[in-house]
Amino acid sequence: MIFKKIGVCYGPSCTTTGAQKIQKILEQTYGDDDVEIVARTCCGRCKRTNSIVIDDEIIVSDLSPKNIQRNFIADPQSAIEKAKKEKSESDEKLDSMLSDGLLL
């Protein structure tokens, strides 16, 4: 398995849009694969609910009980790579705004 832990966001937005169902689906899918599935506090992606955190590092968002199979379980490596790319692009944009003095 390419990861050892999945944290399911239980922030207010994620809780009301299916966090418990997502956790149950992940437990059913990975429960026998030595992957720890845990509830966690809000990961700050409230506009992009639901979110999971892979190995306390990579946040995969825009999940739901209906699309988690297609958007994560079917190809977790691609979902993780997409999340890494989005984070990198976001970090670059923030760095650019800071160096241009747009953020103080």
N, C-alpha and C. Protein backbone atom coordinates (compact mmCIF):
# COMPACT_ATOMS: atom_id res chain seq x y z
N MET A 1 0.85 -1.17 0.00
CA MET A 1 0.00 0.00 0.00
C MET A 1 0.90 1.24 0.00
N ILE A 2 0.47 2.26 -0.71
CA ILE A 2 1.29 3.47 -0.85
C ILE A 2 1.14 4.43 0.32
N PHE A 3 0.25 4.12 1.26
CA PHE A 3 0.06 4.96 2.43
C PHE A 3 -0.28 4.07 3.62
N LYS A 4 -0.09 4.62 4.81
CA LYS A 4 -0.32 3.86 6.04
C LYS A 4 -1.47 4.41 6.89
N LYS A 5 -1.84 5.68 6.63
CA LYS A 5 -2.85 6.30 7.48
C LYS A 5 -3.72 7.24 6.64
N ILE A 6 -5.02 7.19 6.92
CA ILE A 6 -5.96 8.13 6.31
C ILE A 6 -6.74 8.79 7.43
N GLY A 7 -6.63 10.11 7.50
CA GLY A 7 -7.41 10.88 8.45
C GLY A 7 -8.63 11.46 7.76
N VAL A 8 -9.79 11.17 8.27
CA VAL A 8 -11.03 11.69 7.70
C VAL A 8 -11.39 12.98 8.43
N CYS A 9 -11.52 14.05 7.68
CA CYS A 9 -11.84 15.34 8.27
C CYS A 9 -13.24 15.30 8.86
N TYR A 10 -13.33 15.73 10.12
CA TYR A 10 -14.61 15.86 10.81
C TYR A 10 -14.87 17.30 11.21
N GLY A 11 -14.40 18.24 10.39
CA GLY A 11 -14.76 19.63 10.62
C GLY A 11 -16.25 19.81 10.36
N PRO A 12 -16.80 20.97 10.69
CA PRO A 12 -18.25 21.17 10.56
C PRO A 12 -18.80 20.89 9.16
N SER A 13 -18.14 21.38 8.13
CA SER A 13 -18.63 21.16 6.77
C SER A 13 -18.56 19.69 6.37
N CYS A 14 -17.45 19.06 6.66
CA CYS A 14 -17.29 17.65 6.28
C CYS A 14 -18.23 16.74 7.07
N THR A 15 -18.43 17.06 8.33
CA THR A 15 -19.32 16.25 9.15
C THR A 15 -20.74 16.27 8.59
N THR A 16 -21.19 17.44 8.16
CA THR A 16 -22.56 17.54 7.66
C THR A 16 -22.73 17.03 6.23
N THR A 17 -21.62 16.75 5.55
CA THR A 17 -21.72 16.28 4.16
C THR A 17 -21.18 14.86 3.96
N GLY A 18 -21.09 14.08 5.05
CA GLY A 18 -20.82 12.67 4.87
C GLY A 18 -19.54 12.09 5.42
N ALA A 19 -18.89 12.76 6.36
CA ALA A 19 -17.62 12.25 6.90
C ALA A 19 -17.77 10.85 7.46
N GLN A 20 -18.85 10.59 8.19
CA GLN A 20 -19.03 9.25 8.78
C GLN A 20 -19.15 8.18 7.69
N LYS A 21 -19.89 8.47 6.65
CA LYS A 21 -20.04 7.51 5.55
C LYS A 21 -18.71 7.28 4.84
N ILE A 22 -17.97 8.35 4.64
CA ILE A 22 -16.66 8.24 3.99
C ILE A 22 -15.73 7.38 4.84
N GLN A 23 -15.72 7.62 6.15
CA GLN A 23 -14.86 6.82 7.02
C GLN A 23 -15.25 5.34 6.94
N LYS A 24 -16.53 5.06 6.94
CA LYS A 24 -16.99 3.67 6.86
C LYS A 24 -16.57 3.02 5.54
N ILE A 25 -16.70 3.73 4.44
CA ILE A 25 -16.28 3.21 3.13
C ILE A 25 -14.78 2.93 3.14
N LEU A 26 -13.99 3.84 3.69
CA LEU A 26 -12.54 3.64 3.74
C LEU A 26 -12.19 2.46 4.63
N GLU A 27 -12.87 2.31 5.76
CA GLU A 27 -12.61 1.17 6.65
C GLU A 27 -12.95 -0.14 5.96
N GLN A 28 -14.04 -0.17 5.22
CA GLN A 28 -14.42 -1.38 4.50
C GLN A 28 -13.42 -1.69 3.39
N THR A 29 -12.89 -0.66 2.77
CA THR A 29 -11.96 -0.84 1.64
C THR A 29 -10.56 -1.20 2.10
N TYR A 30 -10.07 -0.52 3.13
CA TYR A 30 -8.67 -0.68 3.52
C TYR A 30 -8.47 -1.35 4.88
N GLY A 31 -9.54 -1.76 5.52
CA GLY A 31 -9.45 -2.33 6.86
C GLY A 31 -8.53 -3.52 6.99
N ASP A 32 -8.39 -4.30 5.94
CA ASP A 32 -7.53 -5.49 5.99
C ASP A 32 -6.14 -5.23 5.42
N ASP A 33 -5.83 -4.00 5.06
CA ASP A 33 -4.57 -3.67 4.40
C ASP A 33 -3.57 -2.96 5.31
N ASP A 34 -3.75 -3.06 6.62
CA ASP A 34 -2.86 -2.38 7.57
C ASP A 34 -2.82 -0.87 7.38
N VAL A 35 -3.94 -0.30 6.95
CA VAL A 35 -4.07 1.15 6.83
C VAL A 35 -4.91 1.63 8.00
N GLU A 36 -4.37 2.58 8.75
CA GLU A 36 -5.09 3.13 9.89
C GLU A 36 -6.05 4.22 9.39
N ILE A 37 -7.32 4.07 9.70
CA ILE A 37 -8.33 5.06 9.33
C ILE A 37 -8.77 5.76 10.61
N VAL A 38 -8.58 7.07 10.67
CA VAL A 38 -8.87 7.81 11.90
C VAL A 38 -9.71 9.05 11.60
N ALA A 39 -10.48 9.45 12.59
CA ALA A 39 -11.18 10.73 12.53
C ALA A 39 -10.19 11.81 12.94
N ARG A 40 -10.29 12.98 12.32
CA ARG A 40 -9.39 14.07 12.67
C ARG A 40 -10.16 15.38 12.67
N THR A 41 -9.56 16.39 13.26
CA THR A 41 -10.18 17.70 13.30
C THR A 41 -10.12 18.34 11.91
N CYS A 42 -10.73 19.47 11.81
CA CYS A 42 -10.83 20.19 10.53
C CYS A 42 -9.44 20.39 9.92
N CYS A 43 -9.36 20.15 8.62
CA CYS A 43 -8.07 20.33 7.93
C CYS A 43 -8.06 21.61 7.09
N GLY A 44 -9.11 22.43 7.20
CA GLY A 44 -9.11 23.75 6.58
C GLY A 44 -9.51 23.81 5.12
N ARG A 45 -10.15 22.79 4.65
CA ARG A 45 -10.60 22.78 3.26
C ARG A 45 -12.13 22.84 3.18
N CYS A 46 -12.71 23.68 4.00
CA CYS A 46 -14.16 23.71 4.16
C CYS A 46 -14.92 23.99 2.86
N LYS A 47 -14.33 24.76 1.97
CA LYS A 47 -14.99 25.05 0.69
C LYS A 47 -14.89 23.87 -0.28
N ARG A 48 -14.05 22.89 0.04
CA ARG A 48 -13.82 21.76 -0.87
C ARG A 48 -14.12 20.44 -0.16
N THR A 49 -15.22 20.41 0.57
CA THR A 49 -15.56 19.20 1.33
C THR A 49 -15.79 18.05 0.38
N ASN A 50 -15.72 16.91 0.85
CA ASN A 50 -15.08 16.37 2.03
C ASN A 50 -13.60 16.15 1.75
N SER A 51 -12.83 16.09 2.83
CA SER A 51 -11.39 15.93 2.67
C SER A 51 -10.88 14.77 3.52
N ILE A 52 -9.79 14.18 3.03
CA ILE A 52 -9.06 13.18 3.80
C ILE A 52 -7.59 13.59 3.79
N VAL A 53 -6.87 13.18 4.82
CA VAL A 53 -5.45 13.53 4.93
C VAL A 53 -4.65 12.22 4.91
N ILE A 54 -3.79 12.11 3.94
CA ILE A 54 -2.99 10.91 3.75
C ILE A 54 -1.67 11.05 4.50
N ASP A 55 -1.41 10.12 5.40
CA ASP A 55 -0.17 10.07 6.18
C ASP A 55 0.18 11.42 6.81
N ASP A 56 -0.83 12.13 7.31
CA ASP A 56 -0.67 13.42 7.99
C ASP A 56 0.03 14.47 7.12
N GLU A 57 -0.07 14.32 5.80
CA GLU A 57 0.70 15.20 4.94
C GLU A 57 -0.08 15.73 3.74
N ILE A 58 -0.73 14.87 3.00
CA ILE A 58 -1.37 15.24 1.74
C ILE A 58 -2.88 15.29 1.93
N ILE A 59 -3.49 16.42 1.56
CA ILE A 59 -4.94 16.58 1.69
C ILE A 59 -5.60 16.34 0.34
N VAL A 60 -6.49 15.36 0.30
CA VAL A 60 -7.27 15.07 -0.89
C VAL A 60 -8.69 15.55 -0.61
N SER A 61 -9.19 16.45 -1.46
CA SER A 61 -10.49 17.08 -1.21
C SER A 61 -11.48 16.76 -2.33
N ASP A 62 -12.64 17.38 -2.21
CA ASP A 62 -13.73 17.23 -3.18
C ASP A 62 -14.26 15.81 -3.23
N LEU A 63 -14.33 15.18 -2.07
CA LEU A 63 -14.83 13.81 -1.99
C LEU A 63 -16.24 13.81 -1.42
N SER A 64 -16.96 12.75 -1.70
CA SER A 64 -18.29 12.54 -1.13
C SER A 64 -18.50 11.04 -1.02
N PRO A 65 -19.50 10.62 -0.25
CA PRO A 65 -19.78 9.18 -0.20
C PRO A 65 -20.08 8.60 -1.58
N LYS A 66 -20.61 9.43 -2.47
CA LYS A 66 -20.96 8.95 -3.82
C LYS A 66 -19.77 8.89 -4.77
N ASN A 67 -18.77 9.77 -4.59
CA ASN A 67 -17.67 9.80 -5.56
C ASN A 67 -16.33 9.30 -5.04
N ILE A 68 -16.26 8.90 -3.77
CA ILE A 68 -14.96 8.49 -3.22
C ILE A 68 -14.38 7.28 -3.94
N GLN A 69 -15.22 6.39 -4.39
CA GLN A 69 -14.73 5.22 -5.14
C GLN A 69 -14.01 5.69 -6.41
N ARG A 70 -14.65 6.56 -7.16
CA ARG A 70 -14.10 7.04 -8.43
C ARG A 70 -12.93 8.01 -8.21
N ASN A 71 -13.06 8.92 -7.22
CA ASN A 71 -12.07 9.99 -7.07
C ASN A 71 -10.89 9.66 -6.16
N PHE A 72 -10.96 8.53 -5.46
CA PHE A 72 -9.81 8.16 -4.63
C PHE A 72 -9.52 6.67 -4.67
N ILE A 73 -10.47 5.85 -4.30
CA ILE A 73 -10.22 4.42 -4.12
C ILE A 73 -9.79 3.74 -5.42
N ALA A 74 -10.40 4.09 -6.53
CA ALA A 74 -10.06 3.45 -7.81
C ALA A 74 -8.61 3.69 -8.20
N ASP A 75 -8.07 4.85 -7.86
CA ASP A 75 -6.69 5.19 -8.23
C ASP A 75 -6.10 6.17 -7.21
N PRO A 76 -5.78 5.65 -6.01
CA PRO A 76 -5.28 6.56 -4.98
C PRO A 76 -3.99 7.28 -5.36
N GLN A 77 -3.12 6.63 -6.10
CA GLN A 77 -1.86 7.26 -6.50
C GLN A 77 -2.12 8.53 -7.31
N SER A 78 -3.04 8.46 -8.26
CA SER A 78 -3.36 9.65 -9.06
C SER A 78 -3.98 10.74 -8.22
N ALA A 79 -4.86 10.37 -7.29
CA ALA A 79 -5.48 11.36 -6.41
C ALA A 79 -4.44 12.05 -5.54
N ILE A 80 -3.48 11.28 -5.05
CA ILE A 80 -2.41 11.85 -4.21
C ILE A 80 -1.51 12.75 -5.04
N GLU A 81 -1.14 12.33 -6.23
CA GLU A 81 -0.30 13.16 -7.10
C GLU A 81 -1.00 14.46 -7.47
N LYS A 82 -2.29 14.39 -7.75
CA LYS A 82 -3.07 15.60 -8.07
C LYS A 82 -3.07 16.54 -6.87
N ALA A 83 -3.26 16.01 -5.67
CA ALA A 83 -3.26 16.84 -4.47
C ALA A 83 -1.90 17.49 -4.24
N LYS A 84 -0.83 16.74 -4.48
CA LYS A 84 0.53 17.30 -4.33
C LYS A 84 0.75 18.44 -5.32
N LYS A 85 0.29 18.26 -6.55
CA LYS A 85 0.46 19.29 -7.58
C LYS A 85 -0.32 20.55 -7.20
N GLU A 86 -1.56 20.37 -6.74
CA GLU A 86 -2.37 21.52 -6.33
C GLU A 86 -1.70 22.28 -5.18
N LYS A 87 -1.13 21.56 -4.22
CA LYS A 87 -0.45 22.20 -3.09
C LYS A 87 0.77 22.98 -3.58
N SER A 88 1.54 22.37 -4.47
CA SER A 88 2.72 23.03 -5.00
C SER A 88 2.34 24.33 -5.73
N GLU A 89 1.31 24.26 -6.56
CA GLU A 89 0.86 25.44 -7.29
C GLU A 89 0.37 26.52 -6.34
N SER A 90 -0.34 26.12 -5.30
CA SER A 90 -0.84 27.07 -4.30
C SER A 90 0.32 27.72 -3.55
N ASP A 91 1.32 26.92 -3.18
CA ASP A 91 2.49 27.45 -2.48
C ASP A 91 3.24 28.45 -3.36
N GLU A 92 3.38 28.14 -4.65
CA GLU A 92 4.07 29.04 -5.58
C GLU A 92 3.32 30.37 -5.70
N LYS A 93 2.01 30.29 -5.79
CA LYS A 93 1.20 31.51 -5.90
C LYS A 93 1.35 32.36 -4.64
N LEU A 94 1.31 31.72 -3.49
CA LEU A 94 1.47 32.45 -2.23
C LEU A 94 2.85 33.10 -2.16
N ASP A 95 3.90 32.35 -2.51
CA ASP A 95 5.26 32.91 -2.50
C ASP A 95 5.36 34.12 -3.42
N SER A 96 4.74 34.02 -4.59
CA SER A 96 4.77 35.12 -5.54
C SER A 96 4.06 36.35 -4.98
N MET A 97 2.93 36.15 -4.36
CA MET A 97 2.18 37.27 -3.78
C MET A 97 2.97 37.91 -2.64
N LEU A 98 3.65 37.08 -1.84
CA LEU A 98 4.45 37.63 -0.75
C LEU A 98 5.64 38.43 -1.28
N SER A 99 6.31 37.88 -2.30
CA SER A 99 7.49 38.59 -2.83
C SER A 99 7.11 39.86 -3.58
N ASP A 100 5.90 39.93 -4.12
CA ASP A 100 5.42 41.12 -4.80
C ASP A 100 4.82 42.14 -3.85
N GLY A 101 4.81 41.82 -2.56
CA GLY A 101 4.27 42.73 -1.56
C GLY A 101 2.75 42.81 -1.56
N LEU A 102 2.09 41.84 -2.15
CA LEU A 102 0.64 41.86 -2.20
C LEU A 102 0.01 41.40 -0.90
N LEU A 103 0.78 40.69 -0.11
CA LEU A 103 0.31 40.24 1.21
C LEU A 103 1.26 40.78 2.27
N LEU A 104 0.71 41.32 3.30
CA LEU A 104 1.56 41.85 4.37
C LEU A 104 1.31 41.10 5.64
